[in-house]
Amino acid sequence: MGSPKDARQVTGNGTEPEFGIAPHKAIAPDKDAGRERRIELSDRQKECLSRIASGQTSSEIAKAIGLSPRTVDHYVADACRKLGVRRRVQAIVKATALDLF
C-alpha cells in the first residue's frame, strides 16, 4: 500500500486534514454543506478497522474480542457511515489519512 501520506493524497483534495482535540476526533471537510465536520469513531470501531487493516476477517476479530461476526460487521458499517465511505478498504484508507487509529 503506501505511507499514510500516500493515503491522504488519494482520499481528498490534496490538503492535510486538521486534527481535533484527540487523535481519534479528526475534522474533515463536509462536501455537502461546505463546512467541516468532526469525525469521532468509538474505541470498538477503531479496533475493528485496525484489525481489518492487519488482515483479519470479521470472524477472526469476533473470536479475538468476544463478539459475534455480525456485531463486528455492524461496528465496521457504522465506521464507514461516519467516514462517508462504502467499503472497508476505503474506511481504512480514510481513517489512516485522518490519523484516527
N, C-alpha and C. Protein backbone atom coordinates (compact mmCIF):
# COMPACT_ATOMS: atom_id res chain seq x y z
N MET A 1 0.85 -1.18 0.00
CA MET A 1 0.00 0.00 0.00
C MET A 1 0.89 1.22 0.00
N GLY A 2 1.07 1.93 0.96
CA GLY A 2 1.93 3.09 0.99
C GLY A 2 1.88 3.69 2.37
N SER A 3 2.51 4.82 2.48
CA SER A 3 2.52 5.50 3.75
C SER A 3 1.20 6.23 3.98
N PRO A 4 0.93 6.63 5.22
CA PRO A 4 -0.29 7.39 5.47
C PRO A 4 -0.36 8.67 4.64
N LYS A 5 0.79 9.26 4.33
CA LYS A 5 0.79 10.45 3.48
C LYS A 5 0.25 10.11 2.10
N ASP A 6 0.62 8.92 1.57
CA ASP A 6 0.08 8.48 0.28
C ASP A 6 -1.43 8.32 0.37
N ALA A 7 -1.90 7.80 1.50
CA ALA A 7 -3.34 7.62 1.68
C ALA A 7 -4.06 8.96 1.67
N ARG A 8 -3.44 9.98 2.25
CA ARG A 8 -4.05 11.31 2.24
C ARG A 8 -4.22 11.82 0.83
N GLN A 9 -3.27 11.52 -0.02
CA GLN A 9 -3.32 12.03 -1.38
C GLN A 9 -4.45 11.41 -2.19
N VAL A 10 -4.83 10.18 -1.90
CA VAL A 10 -5.89 9.54 -2.68
C VAL A 10 -7.27 9.73 -2.07
N THR A 11 -7.37 10.29 -0.89
CA THR A 11 -8.67 10.38 -0.25
C THR A 11 -9.29 11.76 -0.31
N GLY A 12 -8.58 12.74 -0.67
CA GLY A 12 -9.18 14.07 -0.59
C GLY A 12 -8.69 15.00 -1.68
N ASN A 13 -8.78 16.25 -1.38
CA ASN A 13 -8.44 17.26 -2.35
C ASN A 13 -6.98 17.69 -2.26
N GLY A 14 -6.16 16.89 -1.60
CA GLY A 14 -4.74 17.17 -1.50
C GLY A 14 -4.35 17.98 -0.28
N THR A 15 -5.30 18.43 0.51
CA THR A 15 -4.97 19.19 1.70
C THR A 15 -4.84 18.25 2.88
N GLU A 16 -4.02 18.62 3.80
CA GLU A 16 -3.84 17.82 5.01
C GLU A 16 -5.05 18.01 5.90
N PRO A 17 -5.55 16.95 6.56
CA PRO A 17 -6.68 17.11 7.46
C PRO A 17 -6.27 17.86 8.72
N GLU A 18 -7.21 18.59 9.29
CA GLU A 18 -6.97 19.24 10.57
C GLU A 18 -7.35 18.28 11.67
N PHE A 19 -6.66 18.35 12.78
CA PHE A 19 -6.93 17.42 13.86
C PHE A 19 -7.63 18.12 15.00
N GLY A 20 -8.55 17.40 15.64
CA GLY A 20 -9.29 17.93 16.77
C GLY A 20 -8.49 17.79 18.05
N ILE A 21 -9.17 17.76 19.16
CA ILE A 21 -8.52 17.71 20.47
C ILE A 21 -7.79 16.40 20.69
N ALA A 22 -8.41 15.29 20.33
CA ALA A 22 -7.80 13.98 20.50
C ALA A 22 -7.53 13.38 19.11
N PRO A 23 -6.55 12.47 18.99
CA PRO A 23 -6.23 11.91 17.68
C PRO A 23 -7.41 11.22 17.01
N HIS A 24 -8.36 10.69 17.78
CA HIS A 24 -9.48 9.99 17.17
C HIS A 24 -10.66 10.92 16.87
N LYS A 25 -10.47 12.22 17.05
CA LYS A 25 -11.51 13.19 16.73
C LYS A 25 -10.98 14.11 15.65
N ALA A 26 -10.96 13.63 14.43
CA ALA A 26 -10.44 14.40 13.31
C ALA A 26 -11.52 15.27 12.73
N ILE A 27 -11.10 16.33 12.07
CA ILE A 27 -12.03 17.22 11.39
C ILE A 27 -11.79 17.05 9.90
N ALA A 28 -12.86 16.81 9.17
CA ALA A 28 -12.76 16.61 7.73
C ALA A 28 -13.74 17.53 7.03
N PRO A 29 -13.44 17.89 5.78
CA PRO A 29 -14.37 18.74 5.04
C PRO A 29 -15.70 18.03 4.84
N ASP A 30 -16.79 18.76 4.98
CA ASP A 30 -18.11 18.23 4.70
C ASP A 30 -18.49 18.73 3.31
N LYS A 31 -18.42 17.86 2.32
CA LYS A 31 -18.63 18.26 0.93
C LYS A 31 -20.03 18.79 0.69
N ASP A 32 -21.02 18.26 1.39
CA ASP A 32 -22.40 18.66 1.15
C ASP A 32 -22.71 20.06 1.65
N ALA A 33 -22.21 20.40 2.81
CA ALA A 33 -22.58 21.66 3.42
C ALA A 33 -21.51 22.74 3.27
N GLY A 34 -20.35 22.41 2.71
CA GLY A 34 -19.29 23.39 2.55
C GLY A 34 -18.65 23.79 3.87
N ARG A 35 -18.76 22.96 4.86
CA ARG A 35 -18.14 23.24 6.16
C ARG A 35 -17.44 21.98 6.66
N GLU A 36 -16.71 22.13 7.75
CA GLU A 36 -16.00 20.99 8.32
C GLU A 36 -16.90 20.26 9.29
N ARG A 37 -16.68 18.95 9.42
CA ARG A 37 -17.43 18.16 10.39
C ARG A 37 -16.44 17.30 11.17
N ARG A 38 -16.77 17.06 12.42
CA ARG A 38 -15.91 16.26 13.30
C ARG A 38 -16.25 14.79 13.11
N ILE A 39 -15.23 13.98 12.94
CA ILE A 39 -15.42 12.54 12.82
C ILE A 39 -14.91 11.90 14.10
N GLU A 40 -15.79 11.20 14.78
CA GLU A 40 -15.41 10.51 16.01
C GLU A 40 -15.77 9.04 15.87
N LEU A 41 -14.78 8.18 16.02
CA LEU A 41 -15.00 6.74 16.00
C LEU A 41 -14.90 6.21 17.42
N SER A 42 -15.77 5.25 17.74
CA SER A 42 -15.70 4.62 19.06
C SER A 42 -14.44 3.75 19.14
N ASP A 43 -14.09 3.38 20.34
CA ASP A 43 -12.92 2.51 20.53
C ASP A 43 -13.10 1.19 19.78
N ARG A 44 -14.31 0.63 19.83
CA ARG A 44 -14.58 -0.64 19.12
C ARG A 44 -14.47 -0.47 17.62
N GLN A 45 -14.99 0.63 17.09
CA GLN A 45 -14.88 0.87 15.66
C GLN A 45 -13.42 0.98 15.24
N LYS A 46 -12.63 1.70 16.02
CA LYS A 46 -11.20 1.83 15.71
C LYS A 46 -10.50 0.48 15.79
N GLU A 47 -10.84 -0.30 16.82
CA GLU A 47 -10.22 -1.61 16.97
C GLU A 47 -10.56 -2.52 15.79
N CYS A 48 -11.81 -2.53 15.38
CA CYS A 48 -12.22 -3.37 14.25
C CYS A 48 -11.52 -2.94 12.98
N LEU A 49 -11.46 -1.64 12.70
CA LEU A 49 -10.78 -1.16 11.50
C LEU A 49 -9.29 -1.49 11.54
N SER A 50 -8.69 -1.34 12.71
CA SER A 50 -7.27 -1.65 12.85
C SER A 50 -6.99 -3.12 12.57
N ARG A 51 -7.84 -3.99 13.10
CA ARG A 51 -7.66 -5.43 12.88
C ARG A 51 -7.92 -5.80 11.42
N ILE A 52 -8.89 -5.17 10.79
CA ILE A 52 -9.14 -5.41 9.37
C ILE A 52 -7.92 -4.98 8.56
N ALA A 53 -7.35 -3.84 8.92
CA ALA A 53 -6.15 -3.35 8.22
C ALA A 53 -4.99 -4.32 8.36
N SER A 54 -4.96 -5.07 9.47
CA SER A 54 -3.88 -6.05 9.66
C SER A 54 -4.20 -7.39 9.00
N GLY A 55 -5.38 -7.49 8.36
CA GLY A 55 -5.69 -8.69 7.58
C GLY A 55 -6.68 -9.65 8.20
N GLN A 56 -7.25 -9.32 9.35
CA GLN A 56 -8.19 -10.23 9.99
C GLN A 56 -9.58 -10.12 9.38
N THR A 57 -10.32 -11.22 9.36
CA THR A 57 -11.70 -11.24 8.90
C THR A 57 -12.62 -10.88 10.07
N SER A 58 -13.89 -10.65 9.76
CA SER A 58 -14.86 -10.36 10.82
C SER A 58 -14.94 -11.51 11.81
N SER A 59 -14.90 -12.73 11.33
CA SER A 59 -14.96 -13.90 12.21
C SER A 59 -13.75 -13.95 13.14
N GLU A 60 -12.58 -13.69 12.61
CA GLU A 60 -11.36 -13.71 13.42
C GLU A 60 -11.38 -12.60 14.47
N ILE A 61 -11.85 -11.42 14.07
CA ILE A 61 -11.94 -10.30 15.00
C ILE A 61 -12.94 -10.63 16.11
N ALA A 62 -14.09 -11.17 15.70
CA ALA A 62 -15.14 -11.51 16.66
C ALA A 62 -14.62 -12.49 17.71
N LYS A 63 -13.92 -13.50 17.26
CA LYS A 63 -13.39 -14.50 18.19
C LYS A 63 -12.36 -13.87 19.13
N ALA A 64 -11.53 -12.99 18.60
CA ALA A 64 -10.47 -12.38 19.41
C ALA A 64 -11.00 -11.43 20.48
N ILE A 65 -12.10 -10.73 20.21
CA ILE A 65 -12.58 -9.74 21.18
C ILE A 65 -13.91 -10.13 21.82
N GLY A 66 -14.39 -11.34 21.55
CA GLY A 66 -15.56 -11.85 22.23
C GLY A 66 -16.89 -11.30 21.75
N LEU A 67 -17.00 -11.07 20.45
CA LEU A 67 -18.25 -10.59 19.86
C LEU A 67 -18.70 -11.55 18.77
N SER A 68 -19.87 -11.33 18.23
CA SER A 68 -20.29 -12.12 17.07
C SER A 68 -19.78 -11.43 15.81
N PRO A 69 -19.57 -12.19 14.74
CA PRO A 69 -19.13 -11.58 13.47
C PRO A 69 -20.12 -10.51 12.99
N ARG A 70 -21.40 -10.71 13.24
CA ARG A 70 -22.41 -9.73 12.83
C ARG A 70 -22.22 -8.40 13.58
N THR A 71 -21.86 -8.48 14.85
CA THR A 71 -21.61 -7.26 15.63
C THR A 71 -20.38 -6.53 15.10
N VAL A 72 -19.35 -7.28 14.75
CA VAL A 72 -18.15 -6.67 14.15
C VAL A 72 -18.54 -5.96 12.86
N ASP A 73 -19.34 -6.62 12.03
CA ASP A 73 -19.79 -6.00 10.78
C ASP A 73 -20.57 -4.72 11.05
N HIS A 74 -21.35 -4.73 12.12
CA HIS A 74 -22.12 -3.54 12.49
C HIS A 74 -21.19 -2.38 12.86
N TYR A 75 -20.16 -2.67 13.67
CA TYR A 75 -19.19 -1.63 14.03
C TYR A 75 -18.50 -1.06 12.79
N VAL A 76 -18.14 -1.94 11.87
CA VAL A 76 -17.45 -1.51 10.65
C VAL A 76 -18.39 -0.68 9.78
N ALA A 77 -19.64 -1.12 9.65
CA ALA A 77 -20.61 -0.37 8.85
C ALA A 77 -20.85 1.03 9.43
N ASP A 78 -20.93 1.12 10.75
CA ASP A 78 -21.10 2.43 11.38
C ASP A 78 -19.88 3.32 11.15
N ALA A 79 -18.70 2.74 11.22
CA ALA A 79 -17.47 3.50 10.95
C ALA A 79 -17.46 3.99 9.50
N CYS A 80 -17.87 3.13 8.58
CA CYS A 80 -17.93 3.53 7.17
C CYS A 80 -18.91 4.69 6.99
N ARG A 81 -20.05 4.61 7.64
CA ARG A 81 -21.04 5.68 7.54
C ARG A 81 -20.47 6.99 8.07
N LYS A 82 -19.82 6.94 9.24
CA LYS A 82 -19.24 8.15 9.82
C LYS A 82 -18.16 8.74 8.93
N LEU A 83 -17.41 7.88 8.27
CA LEU A 83 -16.31 8.34 7.41
C LEU A 83 -16.79 8.73 6.01
N GLY A 84 -18.04 8.42 5.71
CA GLY A 84 -18.59 8.79 4.40
C GLY A 84 -18.11 7.92 3.26
N VAL A 85 -17.86 6.63 3.55
CA VAL A 85 -17.39 5.70 2.52
C VAL A 85 -18.30 4.48 2.49
N ARG A 86 -18.15 3.65 1.45
CA ARG A 86 -19.00 2.47 1.32
C ARG A 86 -18.28 1.16 1.60
N ARG A 87 -16.98 1.12 1.42
CA ARG A 87 -16.24 -0.14 1.54
C ARG A 87 -15.22 -0.08 2.69
N ARG A 88 -14.92 -1.27 3.21
CA ARG A 88 -13.97 -1.38 4.32
C ARG A 88 -12.61 -0.79 3.98
N VAL A 89 -12.13 -1.10 2.80
CA VAL A 89 -10.80 -0.60 2.42
C VAL A 89 -10.80 0.92 2.34
N GLN A 90 -11.90 1.50 1.89
CA GLN A 90 -11.99 2.96 1.85
C GLN A 90 -11.98 3.53 3.27
N ALA A 91 -12.65 2.85 4.18
CA ALA A 91 -12.67 3.30 5.57
C ALA A 91 -11.27 3.27 6.18
N ILE A 92 -10.52 2.22 5.88
CA ILE A 92 -9.17 2.10 6.41
C ILE A 92 -8.27 3.20 5.85
N VAL A 93 -8.38 3.45 4.55
CA VAL A 93 -7.56 4.50 3.92
C VAL A 93 -7.90 5.86 4.52
N LYS A 94 -9.18 6.15 4.64
CA LYS A 94 -9.59 7.46 5.15
C LYS A 94 -9.24 7.61 6.63
N ALA A 95 -9.49 6.57 7.43
CA ALA A 95 -9.16 6.64 8.86
C ALA A 95 -7.66 6.79 9.07
N THR A 96 -6.88 6.14 8.23
CA THR A 96 -5.42 6.27 8.31
C THR A 96 -5.00 7.70 7.93
N ALA A 97 -5.60 8.22 6.88
CA ALA A 97 -5.27 9.58 6.44
C ALA A 97 -5.62 10.62 7.49
N LEU A 98 -6.69 10.38 8.23
CA LEU A 98 -7.12 11.30 9.28
C LEU A 98 -6.51 10.98 10.63
N ASP A 99 -5.65 9.94 10.65
CA ASP A 99 -4.94 9.53 11.87
C ASP A 99 -5.91 9.19 13.00
N LEU A 100 -6.95 8.39 12.64
CA LEU A 100 -7.97 8.04 13.62
C LEU A 100 -7.62 6.78 14.41
N PHE A 101 -6.68 5.99 13.93
CA PHE A 101 -6.25 4.80 14.71
C PHE A 101 -4.82 4.53 14.45
